[in-house]
Amino acid sequence: MSRPRLVRLPEHIVEIVSDAGEGAQKAAIAFAQLCAKAGNGLWTVEIIPSEIQPPPHTTASASGNRIRLAERSRVTNAGNLANVVLAFNEMALLSRLEAGSLADDVLVLIDDQAQTFPR
């Protein structure tokens, strides 16, 4: 078995998205804090649902954060296309695809364990 290849990137854009209220923004904030404590420069932007109380599990209910991190200490904007997206469900991923926010070679991590929460 070959060893994993380590690739050092000078900067990267990560999006963490889910239905509103499922914790993507909280997870993204924790990730951003960890990146900052490791000495990276970063810029974060909230991804806000298009409605005040969107129906769950629709593209309109996507919520989360975009995090642009870089080796250099100064990052001045959110960047263009995300290189990595962590989606808690397929509708949140679809909303980011429809928004045109993902790079052609994006790495997609998606939760395949659907859950139902009392509302």
N, C-alpha and C. Protein backbone atom coordinates (compact mmCIF):
# COMPACT_ATOMS: atom_id res chain seq x y z
N MET A 1 0.85 -1.18 0.00
CA MET A 1 0.00 0.00 0.00
C MET A 1 0.89 1.24 0.00
N SER A 2 0.57 2.19 -0.86
CA SER A 2 1.37 3.41 -0.93
C SER A 2 0.98 4.37 0.19
N ARG A 3 1.93 5.21 0.54
CA ARG A 3 1.70 6.20 1.59
C ARG A 3 0.88 7.36 1.04
N PRO A 4 0.05 7.95 1.87
CA PRO A 4 -0.70 9.13 1.42
C PRO A 4 0.28 10.25 1.03
N ARG A 5 -0.11 11.01 0.05
CA ARG A 5 0.72 12.11 -0.43
C ARG A 5 0.31 13.39 0.30
N LEU A 6 1.29 14.08 0.85
CA LEU A 6 1.05 15.34 1.54
C LEU A 6 1.21 16.48 0.55
N VAL A 7 0.19 17.33 0.46
CA VAL A 7 0.23 18.49 -0.42
C VAL A 7 0.06 19.74 0.44
N ARG A 8 1.01 20.63 0.36
CA ARG A 8 0.93 21.88 1.12
C ARG A 8 0.33 22.96 0.22
N LEU A 9 -0.77 23.56 0.67
CA LEU A 9 -1.46 24.58 -0.11
C LEU A 9 -1.29 25.94 0.56
N PRO A 10 -0.97 26.97 -0.21
CA PRO A 10 -0.82 28.30 0.39
C PRO A 10 -2.14 28.90 0.87
N GLU A 11 -3.25 28.48 0.24
CA GLU A 11 -4.57 28.92 0.71
C GLU A 11 -5.64 27.94 0.24
N HIS A 12 -6.78 28.01 0.90
CA HIS A 12 -7.88 27.09 0.61
C HIS A 12 -9.18 27.74 1.04
N ILE A 13 -10.28 27.39 0.37
CA ILE A 13 -11.61 27.87 0.77
C ILE A 13 -12.46 26.66 1.11
N VAL A 14 -13.02 26.67 2.31
CA VAL A 14 -13.84 25.57 2.82
C VAL A 14 -15.23 26.10 3.11
N GLU A 15 -16.26 25.35 2.72
CA GLU A 15 -17.63 25.67 3.10
C GLU A 15 -18.19 24.53 3.93
N ILE A 16 -18.85 24.87 5.02
CA ILE A 16 -19.54 23.88 5.86
C ILE A 16 -21.01 24.30 5.85
N VAL A 17 -21.88 23.41 5.32
CA VAL A 17 -23.28 23.77 5.11
C VAL A 17 -24.23 22.66 5.58
N SER A 18 -25.42 23.08 5.98
CA SER A 18 -26.47 22.15 6.40
C SER A 18 -27.80 22.88 6.33
N ASP A 19 -28.85 22.23 6.79
CA ASP A 19 -30.13 22.91 6.98
C ASP A 19 -29.95 23.92 8.11
N ALA A 20 -30.72 24.99 8.08
CA ALA A 20 -30.68 25.97 9.16
C ALA A 20 -30.97 25.28 10.49
N GLY A 21 -30.18 25.61 11.49
CA GLY A 21 -30.39 25.07 12.83
C GLY A 21 -29.73 23.74 13.11
N GLU A 22 -29.02 23.16 12.14
CA GLU A 22 -28.39 21.85 12.36
C GLU A 22 -26.94 21.94 12.84
N GLY A 23 -26.41 23.14 12.99
CA GLY A 23 -25.10 23.29 13.60
C GLY A 23 -23.93 23.54 12.67
N ALA A 24 -24.17 23.78 11.39
CA ALA A 24 -23.06 24.02 10.46
C ALA A 24 -22.31 25.30 10.81
N GLN A 25 -23.03 26.35 11.19
CA GLN A 25 -22.34 27.60 11.54
C GLN A 25 -21.49 27.42 12.79
N LYS A 26 -22.00 26.70 13.77
CA LYS A 26 -21.24 26.45 14.98
C LYS A 26 -20.00 25.60 14.68
N ALA A 27 -20.15 24.58 13.83
CA ALA A 27 -19.01 23.74 13.45
C ALA A 27 -17.97 24.56 12.68
N ALA A 28 -18.44 25.43 11.80
CA ALA A 28 -17.53 26.25 11.01
C ALA A 28 -16.77 27.24 11.89
N ILE A 29 -17.43 27.80 12.88
CA ILE A 29 -16.76 28.73 13.79
C ILE A 29 -15.67 28.00 14.57
N ALA A 30 -15.96 26.80 15.04
CA ALA A 30 -14.95 26.01 15.76
C ALA A 30 -13.76 25.70 14.85
N PHE A 31 -14.03 25.33 13.59
CA PHE A 31 -12.97 25.05 12.63
C PHE A 31 -12.14 26.30 12.36
N ALA A 32 -12.80 27.43 12.17
CA ALA A 32 -12.09 28.69 11.92
C ALA A 32 -11.20 29.08 13.10
N GLN A 33 -11.70 28.91 14.31
CA GLN A 33 -10.90 29.23 15.50
C GLN A 33 -9.67 28.35 15.57
N LEU A 34 -9.83 27.07 15.26
CA LEU A 34 -8.70 26.15 15.24
C LEU A 34 -7.66 26.58 14.20
N CYS A 35 -8.13 26.95 13.01
CA CYS A 35 -7.22 27.40 11.95
C CYS A 35 -6.47 28.67 12.37
N ALA A 36 -7.18 29.60 13.00
CA ALA A 36 -6.54 30.84 13.45
C ALA A 36 -5.50 30.57 14.53
N LYS A 37 -5.82 29.69 15.47
CA LYS A 37 -4.87 29.35 16.53
C LYS A 37 -3.63 28.66 15.98
N ALA A 38 -3.76 28.00 14.82
CA ALA A 38 -2.62 27.35 14.17
C ALA A 38 -1.77 28.35 13.40
N GLY A 39 -2.17 29.62 13.40
CA GLY A 39 -1.37 30.66 12.78
C GLY A 39 -1.78 31.04 11.37
N ASN A 40 -2.88 30.52 10.88
CA ASN A 40 -3.35 30.86 9.53
C ASN A 40 -4.11 32.18 9.54
N GLY A 41 -4.01 32.90 8.44
CA GLY A 41 -4.89 34.03 8.23
C GLY A 41 -6.22 33.50 7.75
N LEU A 42 -7.32 34.18 8.07
CA LEU A 42 -8.60 33.68 7.57
C LEU A 42 -9.62 34.78 7.44
N TRP A 43 -10.64 34.44 6.65
CA TRP A 43 -11.79 35.32 6.41
C TRP A 43 -13.01 34.41 6.43
N THR A 44 -14.02 34.77 7.17
CA THR A 44 -15.23 33.96 7.21
C THR A 44 -16.43 34.78 6.75
N VAL A 45 -17.36 34.09 6.11
CA VAL A 45 -18.60 34.69 5.67
C VAL A 45 -19.73 33.71 5.97
N GLU A 46 -20.79 34.21 6.59
CA GLU A 46 -21.94 33.34 6.86
C GLU A 46 -22.73 33.07 5.58
N ILE A 47 -23.21 31.85 5.47
CA ILE A 47 -24.15 31.47 4.41
C ILE A 47 -25.51 31.42 5.10
N ILE A 48 -26.38 32.32 4.71
CA ILE A 48 -27.65 32.51 5.42
C ILE A 48 -28.79 31.99 4.55
N PRO A 49 -29.77 31.30 5.16
CA PRO A 49 -30.92 30.82 4.38
C PRO A 49 -31.63 31.96 3.66
N SER A 50 -32.24 31.64 2.54
CA SER A 50 -32.92 32.67 1.75
C SER A 50 -34.26 33.08 2.35
N GLU A 51 -34.75 32.34 3.33
CA GLU A 51 -36.03 32.67 3.98
C GLU A 51 -35.81 32.74 5.49
N ILE A 52 -36.71 33.43 6.19
CA ILE A 52 -36.58 33.54 7.65
C ILE A 52 -36.83 32.19 8.31
N GLN A 53 -37.87 31.49 7.93
CA GLN A 53 -38.13 30.15 8.44
C GLN A 53 -38.33 29.22 7.25
N PRO A 54 -37.22 28.81 6.63
CA PRO A 54 -37.34 27.98 5.42
C PRO A 54 -37.84 26.58 5.74
N PRO A 55 -38.52 25.96 4.79
CA PRO A 55 -38.91 24.57 5.00
C PRO A 55 -37.65 23.72 5.08
N PRO A 56 -37.58 22.79 6.01
CA PRO A 56 -36.37 21.99 6.17
C PRO A 56 -36.08 21.12 4.95
N HIS A 57 -34.83 20.86 4.78
CA HIS A 57 -34.32 19.95 3.75
C HIS A 57 -34.69 20.41 2.33
N THR A 58 -34.52 21.71 2.12
CA THR A 58 -34.70 22.30 0.79
C THR A 58 -33.47 23.14 0.50
N THR A 59 -33.29 23.51 -0.76
CA THR A 59 -32.14 24.36 -1.09
C THR A 59 -32.26 25.74 -0.44
N ALA A 60 -33.47 26.18 -0.16
CA ALA A 60 -33.67 27.48 0.48
C ALA A 60 -33.27 27.48 1.95
N SER A 61 -33.08 26.29 2.54
CA SER A 61 -32.76 26.23 3.97
C SER A 61 -31.26 26.09 4.24
N ALA A 62 -30.42 26.17 3.21
CA ALA A 62 -28.98 26.01 3.40
C ALA A 62 -28.42 27.12 4.29
N SER A 63 -27.62 26.71 5.25
CA SER A 63 -27.01 27.61 6.22
C SER A 63 -25.59 27.11 6.49
N GLY A 64 -24.70 28.00 6.84
CA GLY A 64 -23.35 27.59 7.16
C GLY A 64 -22.37 28.73 7.10
N ASN A 65 -21.11 28.40 6.79
CA ASN A 65 -20.05 29.39 6.69
C ASN A 65 -19.08 29.02 5.58
N ARG A 66 -18.50 30.05 5.00
CA ARG A 66 -17.38 29.91 4.06
C ARG A 66 -16.15 30.41 4.81
N ILE A 67 -15.09 29.62 4.80
CA ILE A 67 -13.86 29.98 5.48
C ILE A 67 -12.72 29.97 4.47
N ARG A 68 -12.10 31.10 4.29
CA ARG A 68 -10.91 31.17 3.44
C ARG A 68 -9.72 31.27 4.38
N LEU A 69 -8.82 30.30 4.28
CA LEU A 69 -7.65 30.31 5.14
C LEU A 69 -6.39 30.29 4.30
N ALA A 70 -5.33 30.90 4.83
CA ALA A 70 -4.08 31.01 4.09
C ALA A 70 -2.91 31.01 5.06
N GLU A 71 -1.75 30.60 4.53
CA GLU A 71 -0.54 30.62 5.34
C GLU A 71 -0.19 32.04 5.77
N ARG A 72 -0.42 32.97 4.91
CA ARG A 72 -0.08 34.36 5.27
C ARG A 72 -1.09 34.88 6.29
N SER A 73 -0.67 35.86 7.04
CA SER A 73 -1.53 36.35 8.12
C SER A 73 -2.65 37.26 7.65
N ARG A 74 -2.52 37.80 6.44
CA ARG A 74 -3.55 38.75 5.98
C ARG A 74 -4.36 38.16 4.83
N VAL A 75 -5.65 37.99 5.07
CA VAL A 75 -6.60 37.55 4.04
C VAL A 75 -7.65 38.65 3.96
N THR A 76 -7.88 39.19 2.76
CA THR A 76 -8.70 40.39 2.65
C THR A 76 -10.10 40.18 2.07
N ASN A 77 -10.44 38.94 1.67
CA ASN A 77 -11.79 38.72 1.13
C ASN A 77 -12.13 37.23 1.21
N ALA A 78 -13.36 36.90 0.84
CA ALA A 78 -13.84 35.51 0.96
C ALA A 78 -13.39 34.62 -0.19
N GLY A 79 -12.78 35.17 -1.22
CA GLY A 79 -12.32 34.36 -2.34
C GLY A 79 -13.44 34.04 -3.31
N ASN A 80 -13.11 33.24 -4.31
CA ASN A 80 -14.07 32.93 -5.36
C ASN A 80 -14.77 31.60 -5.17
N LEU A 81 -14.12 30.50 -5.50
CA LEU A 81 -14.76 29.18 -5.50
C LEU A 81 -14.20 28.30 -4.39
N ALA A 82 -15.09 27.60 -3.71
CA ALA A 82 -14.68 26.73 -2.61
C ALA A 82 -13.96 25.49 -3.13
N ASN A 83 -12.88 25.12 -2.43
CA ASN A 83 -12.10 23.93 -2.77
C ASN A 83 -12.60 22.69 -2.04
N VAL A 84 -13.23 22.90 -0.89
CA VAL A 84 -13.76 21.80 -0.07
C VAL A 84 -15.13 22.21 0.43
N VAL A 85 -16.09 21.29 0.36
CA VAL A 85 -17.39 21.55 0.96
C VAL A 85 -17.76 20.35 1.82
N LEU A 86 -18.12 20.64 3.07
CA LEU A 86 -18.63 19.63 3.99
C LEU A 86 -20.12 19.90 4.12
N ALA A 87 -20.93 19.01 3.55
CA ALA A 87 -22.39 19.18 3.54
C ALA A 87 -23.03 18.16 4.46
N PHE A 88 -23.91 18.62 5.32
CA PHE A 88 -24.62 17.74 6.24
C PHE A 88 -25.75 17.00 5.53
N ASN A 89 -26.14 17.47 4.33
CA ASN A 89 -27.16 16.77 3.54
C ASN A 89 -27.05 17.19 2.08
N GLU A 90 -27.68 16.42 1.22
CA GLU A 90 -27.54 16.66 -0.22
C GLU A 90 -28.22 17.94 -0.69
N MET A 91 -29.25 18.40 -0.01
CA MET A 91 -29.92 19.64 -0.42
C MET A 91 -29.04 20.85 -0.13
N ALA A 92 -28.30 20.82 0.97
CA ALA A 92 -27.36 21.91 1.26
C ALA A 92 -26.27 21.95 0.20
N LEU A 93 -25.79 20.78 -0.21
CA LEU A 93 -24.79 20.70 -1.28
C LEU A 93 -25.37 21.24 -2.58
N LEU A 94 -26.58 20.84 -2.92
CA LEU A 94 -27.21 21.30 -4.14
C LEU A 94 -27.36 22.83 -4.15
N SER A 95 -27.68 23.41 -3.01
CA SER A 95 -27.82 24.87 -2.95
C SER A 95 -26.50 25.57 -3.29
N ARG A 96 -25.38 25.00 -2.85
CA ARG A 96 -24.07 25.60 -3.14
C ARG A 96 -23.69 25.40 -4.60
N LEU A 97 -24.10 24.25 -5.17
CA LEU A 97 -23.88 24.03 -6.61
C LEU A 97 -24.69 25.03 -7.42
N GLU A 98 -25.96 25.22 -7.06
CA GLU A 98 -26.82 26.17 -7.76
C GLU A 98 -26.32 27.60 -7.64
N ALA A 99 -25.67 27.92 -6.52
CA ALA A 99 -25.13 29.26 -6.31
C ALA A 99 -23.84 29.49 -7.10
N GLY A 100 -23.28 28.41 -7.66
CA GLY A 100 -22.04 28.53 -8.43
C GLY A 100 -20.84 28.84 -7.56
N SER A 101 -20.84 28.37 -6.31
CA SER A 101 -19.78 28.72 -5.38
C SER A 101 -18.67 27.68 -5.27
N LEU A 102 -18.77 26.57 -6.01
CA LEU A 102 -17.81 25.48 -5.86
C LEU A 102 -16.89 25.36 -7.07
N ALA A 103 -15.61 25.10 -6.82
CA ALA A 103 -14.64 24.90 -7.89
C ALA A 103 -14.95 23.61 -8.64
N ASP A 104 -14.49 23.52 -9.88
CA ASP A 104 -14.72 22.32 -10.68
C ASP A 104 -14.12 21.08 -10.03
N ASP A 105 -13.00 21.23 -9.34
CA ASP A 105 -12.32 20.09 -8.71
C ASP A 105 -12.56 20.04 -7.20
N VAL A 106 -13.71 20.54 -6.76
CA VAL A 106 -14.03 20.60 -5.33
C VAL A 106 -14.02 19.20 -4.70
N LEU A 107 -13.51 19.14 -3.47
CA LEU A 107 -13.58 17.91 -2.67
C LEU A 107 -14.87 17.99 -1.87
N VAL A 108 -15.78 17.03 -2.06
CA VAL A 108 -17.07 17.03 -1.39
C VAL A 108 -17.08 15.96 -0.31
N LEU A 109 -17.39 16.38 0.91
CA LEU A 109 -17.61 15.47 2.03
C LEU A 109 -19.07 15.64 2.41
N ILE A 110 -19.82 14.55 2.37
CA ILE A 110 -21.26 14.65 2.64
C ILE A 110 -21.68 13.60 3.64
N ASP A 111 -22.53 14.00 4.57
CA ASP A 111 -23.08 13.08 5.57
C ASP A 111 -24.18 12.28 4.90
N ASP A 112 -24.07 10.98 4.92
CA ASP A 112 -25.08 10.13 4.27
C ASP A 112 -26.06 9.52 5.27
N GLN A 113 -26.03 10.00 6.50
CA GLN A 113 -26.92 9.47 7.53
C GLN A 113 -28.04 10.46 7.78
N ALA A 114 -29.14 10.31 7.08
CA ALA A 114 -30.28 11.23 7.24
C ALA A 114 -30.86 11.07 8.64
N GLN A 115 -31.19 12.19 9.25
CA GLN A 115 -31.78 12.17 10.58
C GLN A 115 -33.03 13.02 10.58
N THR A 116 -33.94 12.68 11.46
CA THR A 116 -35.16 13.47 11.60
C THR A 116 -35.16 14.07 13.00
N PHE A 117 -35.37 15.36 13.07
CA PHE A 117 -35.40 16.05 14.35
C PHE A 117 -36.81 16.57 14.58
N PRO A 118 -37.29 16.52 15.81
CA PRO A 118 -38.60 17.10 16.09
C PRO A 118 -38.55 18.61 15.85
N ARG A 119 -39.56 19.15 15.23
CA ARG A 119 -39.60 20.59 14.96
C ARG A 119 -40.80 21.19 15.67
